[in-house]
């Protein structure tokens, strides 16, 4: 079972845009796109004008977890 990096460790400040950004890019590099997308979305919740997070989400394309199978 994969746990989020920093989860329950006290190492990730839940209001730190910088911490979420670093973790999102790390997740993306590790091929964990869903986790990266979650962190980029969290960044936009904390800072709706964050261009880096918006650009990263746009680059990642649609979230396949939200797509319906026909």
Protein backbone atom coordinates (compact mmCIF):
# COMPACT_ATOMS: atom_id res chain seq x y z
CA UNK A 1 0.00 0.00 0.00
CA UNK A 2 1.39 3.37 -1.00
CA UNK A 3 1.23 6.13 1.58
CA UNK A 4 1.52 9.78 0.62
CA UNK A 5 4.97 11.18 1.21
CA UNK A 6 4.89 13.16 4.43
CA UNK A 7 1.50 11.82 5.51
CA UNK A 8 1.09 11.67 9.28
CA UNK A 9 4.77 12.43 9.73
CA UNK A 10 4.38 16.05 10.74
CA UNK A 11 6.79 17.00 7.97
CA UNK A 12 4.24 18.51 5.60
CA UNK A 13 2.68 21.79 6.68
CA UNK A 14 -0.93 21.54 5.48
CA UNK A 15 -0.91 25.21 4.47
CA UNK A 16 2.48 25.29 2.73
CA UNK A 17 2.17 25.83 -1.00
CA UNK A 18 5.92 25.27 -1.36
CA UNK A 19 5.76 21.87 0.36
CA UNK A 20 2.87 20.74 -1.83
CA UNK A 21 4.66 21.98 -4.94
CA UNK A 22 7.84 20.03 -4.20
CA UNK A 23 5.86 16.91 -3.36
CA UNK A 24 3.68 17.24 -6.47
CA UNK A 25 6.72 17.44 -8.75
CA UNK A 26 8.29 14.49 -6.93
CA UNK A 27 5.13 12.43 -7.37
CA UNK A 28 5.05 13.37 -11.04
CA UNK A 29 8.67 12.26 -11.52
CA UNK A 30 7.89 8.96 -9.77
CA UNK A 31 5.02 8.32 -12.16
CA UNK A 32 2.35 8.87 -9.52
CA UNK A 33 0.24 11.25 -11.58
CA UNK A 34 -2.89 10.93 -9.47
CA UNK A 35 -1.06 11.93 -6.31
CA UNK A 36 0.69 14.76 -8.15
CA UNK A 37 -2.64 16.01 -9.47
CA UNK A 38 -4.12 15.93 -5.96
CA UNK A 39 -1.27 18.09 -4.66
CA UNK A 40 -1.48 20.55 -7.57
CA UNK A 41 -5.22 20.87 -6.90
CA UNK A 42 -4.50 21.46 -3.20
CA UNK A 43 -2.08 24.23 -4.18
CA UNK A 44 -4.86 25.89 -6.17
CA UNK A 45 -7.19 25.62 -3.16
CA UNK A 46 -4.59 27.45 -1.05
CA UNK A 47 -3.50 29.86 -3.78
CA UNK A 48 -6.06 30.11 -6.63
CA UNK A 49 -3.73 32.35 -8.67
CA UNK A 50 -0.80 29.90 -8.63
CA UNK A 51 0.26 29.74 -12.27
CA UNK A 52 2.75 26.89 -11.79
CA UNK A 53 0.09 24.53 -10.45
CA UNK A 54 -2.43 25.53 -13.12
CA UNK A 55 0.19 25.03 -15.84
CA UNK A 56 1.20 21.62 -14.44
CA UNK A 57 -2.42 20.43 -14.35
CA UNK A 58 -2.96 21.62 -17.90
CA UNK A 59 0.20 19.77 -19.01
CA UNK A 60 -0.99 16.59 -17.30
CA UNK A 61 -4.22 16.58 -19.28
CA UNK A 62 -7.57 15.22 -18.12
CA UNK A 63 -7.81 13.25 -14.90
CA UNK A 64 -8.53 9.69 -16.04
CA UNK A 65 -9.76 8.84 -12.54
CA UNK A 66 -12.79 11.04 -13.26
CA UNK A 67 -13.60 9.52 -16.65
CA UNK A 68 -16.52 7.14 -16.99
CA UNK A 69 -16.18 3.80 -18.73
CA UNK A 70 -18.70 3.29 -21.52
